[in-house]
Amino acid sequence: MTHMTREERATRARTLYRAGWSDPAIAAHLGVSTRTVLRLRHEPTRARKATVVIDRPRPAEGWHRHGACTRPTPIPADWDGDGTTTESIAAQNVCVLRCPVRALCLAEAMHGEGAMPTRGRGGIAGGLTPVQRASLYRALRSRTQEVPA
């Protein structure tokens, strides 16, 4: 595992715990003790604003070459996963923690996939799995529905 800040480790520990991982498995994955995992999972984190825009024009071309998934030597199978294998989780970590164009990637994925069902979506994009993107789309869609007066 690459070097992460304490906040990044705490976020990752909580994410893995919600995904059903045991504390010893999380500890082994992060390279810390089980006791540290318990502390990481329960410590408060700074709130971050999530900015996701749908129903916008497609992002400008040319940003793809700056993606973390293009360097140094990407393994396509890592990015094609659904976030349940060790390899696709590692790919998701790289995307979330290191990619300078993550927002553009997510915007393009959301634009291209639209209301597509989960099974039609593929791979890690913008740091999210197909299931996470489908859920995000539904949540954003429900917020943009007009409320009858």
N, C-alpha and C. Protein backbone atom coordinates (compact mmCIF):
# COMPACT_ATOMS: atom_id res chain seq x y z
N MET A 1 0.85 -1.17 0.00
CA MET A 1 0.00 0.00 0.00
C MET A 1 0.90 1.24 0.00
N THR A 2 0.58 2.22 -0.78
CA THR A 2 1.37 3.44 -0.83
C THR A 2 1.13 4.26 0.43
N HIS A 3 2.01 5.22 0.68
CA HIS A 3 1.89 6.05 1.87
C HIS A 3 0.62 6.89 1.80
N MET A 4 -0.15 6.85 2.87
CA MET A 4 -1.38 7.63 2.96
C MET A 4 -1.34 8.45 4.24
N THR A 5 -2.04 9.58 4.22
CA THR A 5 -2.17 10.36 5.44
C THR A 5 -3.09 9.63 6.40
N ARG A 6 -3.10 10.05 7.63
CA ARG A 6 -3.97 9.42 8.63
C ARG A 6 -5.43 9.54 8.21
N GLU A 7 -5.81 10.69 7.71
CA GLU A 7 -7.20 10.89 7.28
C GLU A 7 -7.56 9.96 6.12
N GLU A 8 -6.64 9.78 5.18
CA GLU A 8 -6.88 8.87 4.06
C GLU A 8 -7.02 7.43 4.56
N ARG A 9 -6.18 7.04 5.52
CA ARG A 9 -6.28 5.69 6.09
C ARG A 9 -7.61 5.51 6.82
N ALA A 10 -8.03 6.54 7.56
CA ALA A 10 -9.30 6.46 8.30
C ALA A 10 -10.46 6.32 7.33
N THR A 11 -10.46 7.10 6.27
CA THR A 11 -11.52 7.03 5.26
C THR A 11 -11.54 5.66 4.62
N ARG A 12 -10.36 5.16 4.27
CA ARG A 12 -10.29 3.84 3.63
C ARG A 12 -10.74 2.74 4.59
N ALA A 13 -10.36 2.84 5.86
CA ALA A 13 -10.77 1.84 6.85
C ALA A 13 -12.28 1.80 6.98
N ARG A 14 -12.92 2.98 7.05
CA ARG A 14 -14.38 3.02 7.14
C ARG A 14 -15.04 2.47 5.89
N THR A 15 -14.48 2.78 4.72
CA THR A 15 -15.04 2.29 3.46
C THR A 15 -14.96 0.76 3.40
N LEU A 16 -13.82 0.22 3.75
CA LEU A 16 -13.66 -1.24 3.72
C LEU A 16 -14.56 -1.91 4.76
N TYR A 17 -14.72 -1.28 5.93
CA TYR A 17 -15.59 -1.84 6.96
C TYR A 17 -17.04 -1.89 6.47
N ARG A 18 -17.48 -0.80 5.84
CA ARG A 18 -18.85 -0.77 5.29
C ARG A 18 -19.03 -1.79 4.18
N ALA A 19 -17.93 -2.14 3.49
CA ALA A 19 -17.99 -3.13 2.42
C ALA A 19 -17.96 -4.56 2.96
N GLY A 20 -17.89 -4.71 4.29
CA GLY A 20 -17.95 -6.04 4.89
C GLY A 20 -16.62 -6.65 5.27
N TRP A 21 -15.53 -5.89 5.17
CA TRP A 21 -14.22 -6.42 5.54
C TRP A 21 -14.12 -6.51 7.06
N SER A 22 -13.39 -7.51 7.55
CA SER A 22 -13.14 -7.64 8.99
C SER A 22 -12.00 -6.70 9.38
N ASP A 23 -11.94 -6.38 10.69
CA ASP A 23 -10.86 -5.51 11.17
C ASP A 23 -9.48 -6.08 10.89
N PRO A 24 -9.23 -7.39 11.11
CA PRO A 24 -7.91 -7.94 10.79
C PRO A 24 -7.57 -7.83 9.30
N ALA A 25 -8.57 -8.01 8.43
CA ALA A 25 -8.32 -7.90 6.99
C ALA A 25 -7.98 -6.46 6.62
N ILE A 26 -8.69 -5.51 7.22
CA ILE A 26 -8.41 -4.09 6.97
C ILE A 26 -7.01 -3.75 7.48
N ALA A 27 -6.67 -4.25 8.66
CA ALA A 27 -5.34 -3.99 9.23
C ALA A 27 -4.25 -4.51 8.30
N ALA A 28 -4.43 -5.71 7.78
CA ALA A 28 -3.43 -6.28 6.87
C ALA A 28 -3.35 -5.46 5.59
N HIS A 29 -4.49 -5.03 5.08
CA HIS A 29 -4.54 -4.25 3.83
C HIS A 29 -3.84 -2.89 4.00
N LEU A 30 -4.07 -2.26 5.15
CA LEU A 30 -3.49 -0.93 5.39
C LEU A 30 -2.09 -0.99 6.01
N GLY A 31 -1.69 -2.18 6.49
CA GLY A 31 -0.38 -2.31 7.11
C GLY A 31 -0.31 -1.70 8.50
N VAL A 32 -1.41 -1.80 9.25
CA VAL A 32 -1.47 -1.27 10.61
C VAL A 32 -2.02 -2.35 11.53
N SER A 33 -2.04 -2.08 12.83
CA SER A 33 -2.58 -3.06 13.79
C SER A 33 -4.10 -3.01 13.80
N THR A 34 -4.71 -4.07 14.32
CA THR A 34 -6.17 -4.11 14.44
C THR A 34 -6.67 -3.01 15.37
N ARG A 35 -5.91 -2.74 16.42
CA ARG A 35 -6.28 -1.66 17.34
C ARG A 35 -6.29 -0.31 16.62
N THR A 36 -5.31 -0.09 15.75
CA THR A 36 -5.27 1.15 14.97
C THR A 36 -6.48 1.24 14.05
N VAL A 37 -6.89 0.12 13.47
CA VAL A 37 -8.08 0.12 12.61
C VAL A 37 -9.30 0.56 13.40
N LEU A 38 -9.45 0.06 14.62
CA LEU A 38 -10.59 0.46 15.45
C LEU A 38 -10.57 1.97 15.71
N ARG A 39 -9.39 2.51 16.02
CA ARG A 39 -9.28 3.96 16.25
C ARG A 39 -9.59 4.73 14.98
N LEU A 40 -9.04 4.27 13.85
CA LEU A 40 -9.26 4.96 12.59
C LEU A 40 -10.74 4.99 12.22
N ARG A 41 -11.42 3.87 12.42
CA ARG A 41 -12.83 3.79 12.05
C ARG A 41 -13.71 4.71 12.87
N HIS A 42 -13.29 5.01 14.10
CA HIS A 42 -14.14 5.78 15.00
C HIS A 42 -13.73 7.24 15.18
N GLU A 43 -12.62 7.65 14.60
CA GLU A 43 -12.22 9.04 14.79
C GLU A 43 -12.96 9.93 13.79
N PRO A 44 -13.29 11.16 14.19
CA PRO A 44 -14.01 12.06 13.29
C PRO A 44 -13.11 12.52 12.15
N THR A 45 -13.73 12.83 11.04
CA THR A 45 -12.98 13.34 9.89
C THR A 45 -13.54 14.70 9.51
N ARG A 46 -12.73 15.43 8.78
CA ARG A 46 -13.20 16.72 8.28
C ARG A 46 -14.22 16.47 7.19
N ALA A 47 -15.27 17.25 7.20
CA ALA A 47 -16.29 17.12 6.16
C ALA A 47 -15.74 17.68 4.86
N ARG A 48 -16.02 16.98 3.78
CA ARG A 48 -15.59 17.46 2.47
C ARG A 48 -16.82 17.70 1.62
N LYS A 49 -16.77 18.73 0.84
CA LYS A 49 -17.86 18.99 -0.07
C LYS A 49 -17.73 18.09 -1.28
N ALA A 50 -18.79 17.42 -1.61
CA ALA A 50 -18.81 16.59 -2.81
C ALA A 50 -19.50 17.39 -3.90
N THR A 51 -18.84 17.56 -5.01
CA THR A 51 -19.41 18.29 -6.11
C THR A 51 -19.53 17.37 -7.31
N VAL A 52 -20.74 17.03 -7.64
CA VAL A 52 -20.99 16.20 -8.80
C VAL A 52 -22.08 16.88 -9.61
N VAL A 53 -21.84 17.03 -10.88
CA VAL A 53 -22.80 17.70 -11.73
C VAL A 53 -23.24 16.74 -12.82
N ILE A 54 -24.56 16.59 -12.97
CA ILE A 54 -25.08 15.83 -14.09
C ILE A 54 -25.86 16.81 -14.96
N ASP A 55 -26.27 16.37 -16.10
CA ASP A 55 -27.00 17.21 -17.05
C ASP A 55 -26.18 18.43 -17.46
N ARG A 56 -24.90 18.25 -17.61
CA ARG A 56 -24.01 19.30 -18.09
C ARG A 56 -23.41 18.82 -19.40
N PRO A 57 -22.88 19.74 -20.19
CA PRO A 57 -22.20 19.31 -21.42
C PRO A 57 -21.03 18.40 -21.08
N ARG A 58 -20.68 17.58 -22.04
CA ARG A 58 -19.56 16.66 -21.87
C ARG A 58 -18.27 17.44 -21.59
N PRO A 59 -17.41 16.95 -20.68
CA PRO A 59 -16.16 17.65 -20.39
C PRO A 59 -15.27 17.79 -21.63
N ALA A 60 -14.43 18.79 -21.59
CA ALA A 60 -13.52 19.05 -22.71
C ALA A 60 -12.62 17.84 -22.96
N GLU A 61 -12.25 17.64 -24.20
CA GLU A 61 -11.38 16.51 -24.57
C GLU A 61 -9.94 16.81 -24.17
N GLY A 62 -9.14 15.77 -24.10
CA GLY A 62 -7.71 15.94 -23.85
C GLY A 62 -7.29 15.72 -22.40
N TRP A 63 -8.24 15.64 -21.49
CA TRP A 63 -7.89 15.48 -20.08
C TRP A 63 -7.49 14.05 -19.75
N HIS A 64 -7.92 13.09 -20.57
CA HIS A 64 -7.70 11.66 -20.29
C HIS A 64 -6.23 11.33 -20.04
N ARG A 65 -5.33 11.93 -20.78
CA ARG A 65 -3.91 11.57 -20.65
C ARG A 65 -3.32 11.96 -19.30
N HIS A 66 -4.03 12.79 -18.54
CA HIS A 66 -3.55 13.20 -17.23
C HIS A 66 -4.06 12.30 -16.10
N GLY A 67 -4.90 11.33 -16.43
CA GLY A 67 -5.48 10.46 -15.42
C GLY A 67 -4.45 9.55 -14.76
N ALA A 68 -4.67 9.26 -13.49
CA ALA A 68 -3.78 8.35 -12.76
C ALA A 68 -3.83 6.95 -13.36
N CYS A 69 -4.92 6.63 -14.05
CA CYS A 69 -5.07 5.30 -14.65
C CYS A 69 -4.21 5.14 -15.91
N THR A 70 -3.58 6.19 -16.36
CA THR A 70 -2.76 6.10 -17.57
C THR A 70 -1.27 6.01 -17.28
N ARG A 71 -0.89 6.10 -16.00
CA ARG A 71 0.52 6.07 -15.69
C ARG A 71 0.77 5.31 -14.40
N PRO A 72 1.94 4.81 -14.14
CA PRO A 72 3.02 4.68 -15.11
C PRO A 72 2.73 3.57 -16.12
N THR A 73 2.20 2.46 -15.67
CA THR A 73 1.78 1.40 -16.60
C THR A 73 0.49 0.80 -16.06
N PRO A 74 -0.64 1.29 -16.54
CA PRO A 74 -1.91 0.79 -16.01
C PRO A 74 -2.17 -0.65 -16.43
N ILE A 75 -2.83 -1.38 -15.57
CA ILE A 75 -3.26 -2.73 -15.90
C ILE A 75 -4.77 -2.66 -16.08
N PRO A 76 -5.27 -2.78 -17.31
CA PRO A 76 -6.70 -2.58 -17.57
C PRO A 76 -7.63 -3.38 -16.67
N ALA A 77 -7.25 -4.59 -16.29
CA ALA A 77 -8.13 -5.42 -15.45
C ALA A 77 -8.41 -4.74 -14.11
N ASP A 78 -7.44 -3.97 -13.59
CA ASP A 78 -7.64 -3.27 -12.33
C ASP A 78 -8.80 -2.28 -12.42
N TRP A 79 -8.88 -1.58 -13.52
CA TRP A 79 -9.87 -0.52 -13.69
C TRP A 79 -11.22 -1.05 -14.15
N ASP A 80 -11.24 -2.28 -14.67
CA ASP A 80 -12.49 -2.86 -15.14
C ASP A 80 -13.27 -3.56 -14.04
N GLY A 81 -12.72 -3.63 -12.85
CA GLY A 81 -13.37 -4.33 -11.75
C GLY A 81 -14.58 -3.60 -11.21
N ASP A 82 -15.24 -4.27 -10.27
CA ASP A 82 -16.44 -3.70 -9.67
C ASP A 82 -16.20 -3.22 -8.24
N GLY A 83 -14.94 -3.15 -7.83
CA GLY A 83 -14.61 -2.68 -6.50
C GLY A 83 -14.64 -3.75 -5.43
N THR A 84 -14.76 -5.02 -5.83
CA THR A 84 -14.81 -6.10 -4.85
C THR A 84 -13.52 -6.91 -4.80
N THR A 85 -12.67 -6.82 -5.82
CA THR A 85 -11.41 -7.55 -5.81
C THR A 85 -10.30 -6.67 -5.25
N THR A 86 -9.24 -7.29 -4.78
CA THR A 86 -8.11 -6.53 -4.24
C THR A 86 -7.54 -5.59 -5.30
N GLU A 87 -7.46 -6.09 -6.54
CA GLU A 87 -6.90 -5.27 -7.62
C GLU A 87 -7.78 -4.06 -7.92
N SER A 88 -9.10 -4.25 -7.99
CA SER A 88 -9.96 -3.11 -8.31
C SER A 88 -10.05 -2.14 -7.13
N ILE A 89 -9.90 -2.64 -5.91
CA ILE A 89 -9.87 -1.74 -4.75
C ILE A 89 -8.58 -0.91 -4.80
N ALA A 90 -7.48 -1.54 -5.19
CA ALA A 90 -6.22 -0.80 -5.33
C ALA A 90 -6.35 0.26 -6.42
N ALA A 91 -7.00 -0.09 -7.52
CA ALA A 91 -7.22 0.88 -8.60
C ALA A 91 -8.09 2.03 -8.11
N GLN A 92 -9.11 1.71 -7.35
CA GLN A 92 -9.99 2.75 -6.81
C GLN A 92 -9.22 3.66 -5.86
N ASN A 93 -8.33 3.10 -5.06
CA ASN A 93 -7.49 3.91 -4.16
C ASN A 93 -6.63 4.89 -4.95
N VAL A 94 -6.00 4.41 -6.01
CA VAL A 94 -5.16 5.28 -6.85
C VAL A 94 -6.01 6.41 -7.40
N CYS A 95 -7.18 6.07 -7.89
CA CYS A 95 -8.07 7.07 -8.47
C CYS A 95 -8.49 8.11 -7.44
N VAL A 96 -8.97 7.66 -6.30
CA VAL A 96 -9.48 8.56 -5.27
C VAL A 96 -8.38 9.43 -4.67
N LEU A 97 -7.22 8.84 -4.43
CA LEU A 97 -6.18 9.55 -3.70
C LEU A 97 -5.17 10.29 -4.57
N ARG A 98 -5.03 9.90 -5.83
CA ARG A 98 -3.93 10.44 -6.61
C ARG A 98 -4.31 11.06 -7.96
N CYS A 99 -5.55 10.91 -8.40
CA CYS A 99 -5.88 11.34 -9.77
C CYS A 99 -6.23 12.83 -9.85
N PRO A 100 -5.52 13.60 -10.68
CA PRO A 100 -5.79 15.02 -10.80
C PRO A 100 -7.03 15.35 -11.64
N VAL A 101 -7.54 14.37 -12.38
CA VAL A 101 -8.70 14.64 -13.25
C VAL A 101 -9.91 13.79 -12.84
N ARG A 102 -9.96 13.41 -11.59
CA ARG A 102 -11.04 12.54 -11.10
C ARG A 102 -12.42 13.15 -11.34
N ALA A 103 -12.59 14.44 -11.07
CA ALA A 103 -13.90 15.08 -11.24
C ALA A 103 -14.34 15.05 -12.70
N LEU A 104 -13.40 15.30 -13.62
CA LEU A 104 -13.73 15.25 -15.04
C LEU A 104 -14.11 13.84 -15.46
N CYS A 105 -13.39 12.87 -14.95
CA CYS A 105 -13.66 11.47 -15.26
C CYS A 105 -15.06 11.07 -14.77
N LEU A 106 -15.38 11.46 -13.55
CA LEU A 106 -16.69 11.14 -13.00
C LEU A 106 -17.80 11.85 -13.78
N ALA A 107 -17.57 13.11 -14.14
CA ALA A 107 -18.57 13.84 -14.91
C ALA A 107 -18.82 13.17 -16.26
N GLU A 108 -17.75 12.72 -16.91
CA GLU A 108 -17.93 12.06 -18.20
C GLU A 108 -18.63 10.71 -18.04
N ALA A 109 -18.28 9.97 -17.00
CA ALA A 109 -18.94 8.69 -16.76
C ALA A 109 -20.42 8.89 -16.48
N MET A 110 -20.75 9.87 -15.64
CA MET A 110 -22.16 10.14 -15.32
C MET A 110 -22.92 10.60 -16.56
N HIS A 111 -22.27 11.41 -17.38
CA HIS A 111 -22.89 11.90 -18.61
C HIS A 111 -23.13 10.74 -19.57
N GLY A 112 -22.14 9.88 -19.73
CA GLY A 112 -22.24 8.78 -20.68
C GLY A 112 -23.17 7.67 -20.24
N GLU A 113 -23.22 7.41 -18.93
CA GLU A 113 -24.04 6.31 -18.44
C GLU A 113 -25.48 6.72 -18.18
N GLY A 114 -25.69 7.96 -17.80
CA GLY A 114 -27.04 8.44 -17.56
C GLY A 114 -27.84 7.52 -16.66
N ALA A 115 -29.03 7.15 -17.10
CA ALA A 115 -29.93 6.30 -16.31
C ALA A 115 -29.68 4.82 -16.51
N MET A 116 -28.56 4.48 -17.12
CA MET A 116 -28.23 3.08 -17.39
C MET A 116 -28.29 2.26 -16.10
N PRO A 117 -28.82 1.03 -16.17
CA PRO A 117 -28.84 0.20 -14.96
C PRO A 117 -27.42 -0.18 -14.52
N THR A 118 -27.28 -0.57 -13.29
CA THR A 118 -25.97 -0.91 -12.72
C THR A 118 -25.24 -1.93 -13.56
N ARG A 119 -25.93 -2.97 -14.03
CA ARG A 119 -25.26 -4.03 -14.78
C ARG A 119 -24.70 -3.54 -16.12
N GLY A 120 -25.17 -2.40 -16.61
CA GLY A 120 -24.66 -1.85 -17.86
C GLY A 120 -23.45 -0.95 -17.68
N ARG A 121 -23.18 -0.56 -16.45
CA ARG A 121 -22.04 0.31 -16.15
C ARG A 121 -20.82 -0.58 -15.94
N GLY A 122 -19.66 -0.07 -16.22
CA GLY A 122 -18.49 -0.91 -16.08
C GLY A 122 -17.28 -0.21 -15.53
N GLY A 123 -16.58 -0.87 -14.64
CA GLY A 123 -15.27 -0.42 -14.18
C GLY A 123 -15.29 0.74 -13.20
N ILE A 124 -14.09 1.06 -12.74
CA ILE A 124 -13.88 2.18 -11.83
C ILE A 124 -13.79 3.44 -12.68
N ALA A 125 -14.56 4.45 -12.34
CA ALA A 125 -14.52 5.73 -13.06
C ALA A 125 -14.76 6.85 -12.06
N GLY A 126 -13.90 7.84 -12.06
CA GLY A 126 -14.05 8.95 -11.14
C GLY A 126 -13.96 8.53 -9.68
N GLY A 127 -13.30 7.40 -9.43
CA GLY A 127 -13.14 6.92 -8.07
C GLY A 127 -14.33 6.13 -7.54
N LEU A 128 -15.32 5.89 -8.39
CA LEU A 128 -16.52 5.17 -7.95
C LEU A 128 -16.70 3.87 -8.73
N THR A 129 -17.29 2.90 -8.07
CA THR A 129 -17.62 1.63 -8.72
C THR A 129 -18.92 1.79 -9.49
N PRO A 130 -19.28 0.83 -10.35
CA PRO A 130 -20.55 0.92 -11.07
C PRO A 130 -21.75 1.04 -10.13
N VAL A 131 -21.75 0.30 -9.03
CA VAL A 131 -22.86 0.37 -8.07
C VAL A 131 -22.93 1.76 -7.44
N GLN A 132 -21.78 2.32 -7.08
CA GLN A 132 -21.75 3.65 -6.47
C GLN A 132 -22.22 4.72 -7.44
N ARG A 133 -21.83 4.60 -8.72
CA ARG A 133 -22.27 5.59 -9.71
C ARG A 133 -23.77 5.50 -9.96
N ALA A 134 -24.31 4.30 -10.01
CA ALA A 134 -25.76 4.14 -10.21
C ALA A 134 -26.52 4.74 -9.02
N SER A 135 -26.01 4.50 -7.82
CA SER A 135 -26.63 5.04 -6.62
C SER A 135 -26.55 6.57 -6.61
N LEU A 136 -25.40 7.10 -7.00
CA LEU A 136 -25.22 8.55 -7.08
C LEU A 136 -26.18 9.15 -8.09
N TYR A 137 -26.32 8.50 -9.23
CA TYR A 137 -27.24 9.01 -10.26
C TYR A 137 -28.66 9.07 -9.71
N ARG A 138 -29.10 7.99 -9.05
CA ARG A 138 -30.46 7.96 -8.50
C ARG A 138 -30.64 9.06 -7.45
N ALA A 139 -29.64 9.26 -6.60
CA ALA A 139 -29.73 10.29 -5.56
C ALA A 139 -29.79 11.68 -6.17
N LEU A 140 -28.95 11.93 -7.16
CA LEU A 140 -28.95 13.24 -7.80
C LEU A 140 -30.25 13.47 -8.57
N ARG A 141 -30.73 12.42 -9.20
CA ARG A 141 -31.97 12.52 -9.97
C ARG A 141 -33.14 12.84 -9.05
N SER A 142 -33.20 12.20 -7.88
CA SER A 142 -34.31 12.45 -6.96
C SER A 142 -34.26 13.88 -6.41
N ARG A 143 -33.07 14.44 -6.29
CA ARG A 143 -32.94 15.83 -5.82
C ARG A 143 -33.35 16.84 -6.88
N THR A 144 -33.23 16.47 -8.14
CA THR A 144 -33.54 17.42 -9.21
C THR A 144 -34.97 17.29 -9.71
N GLN A 145 -35.72 16.31 -9.19
CA GLN A 145 -37.12 16.17 -9.58
C GLN A 145 -37.90 17.37 -9.07
N GLU A 146 -38.83 17.85 -9.87
CA GLU A 146 -39.66 18.96 -9.44
C GLU A 146 -40.65 18.47 -8.40
N VAL A 147 -40.80 19.26 -7.37
CA VAL A 147 -41.74 18.93 -6.32
C VAL A 147 -43.05 19.63 -6.64
N PRO A 148 -44.17 18.88 -6.74
CA PRO A 148 -45.45 19.53 -7.05
C PRO A 148 -45.85 20.51 -5.95
N ALA A 149 -46.45 21.60 -6.35
CA ALA A 149 -46.86 22.64 -5.39
C ALA A 149 -48.13 22.26 -4.68
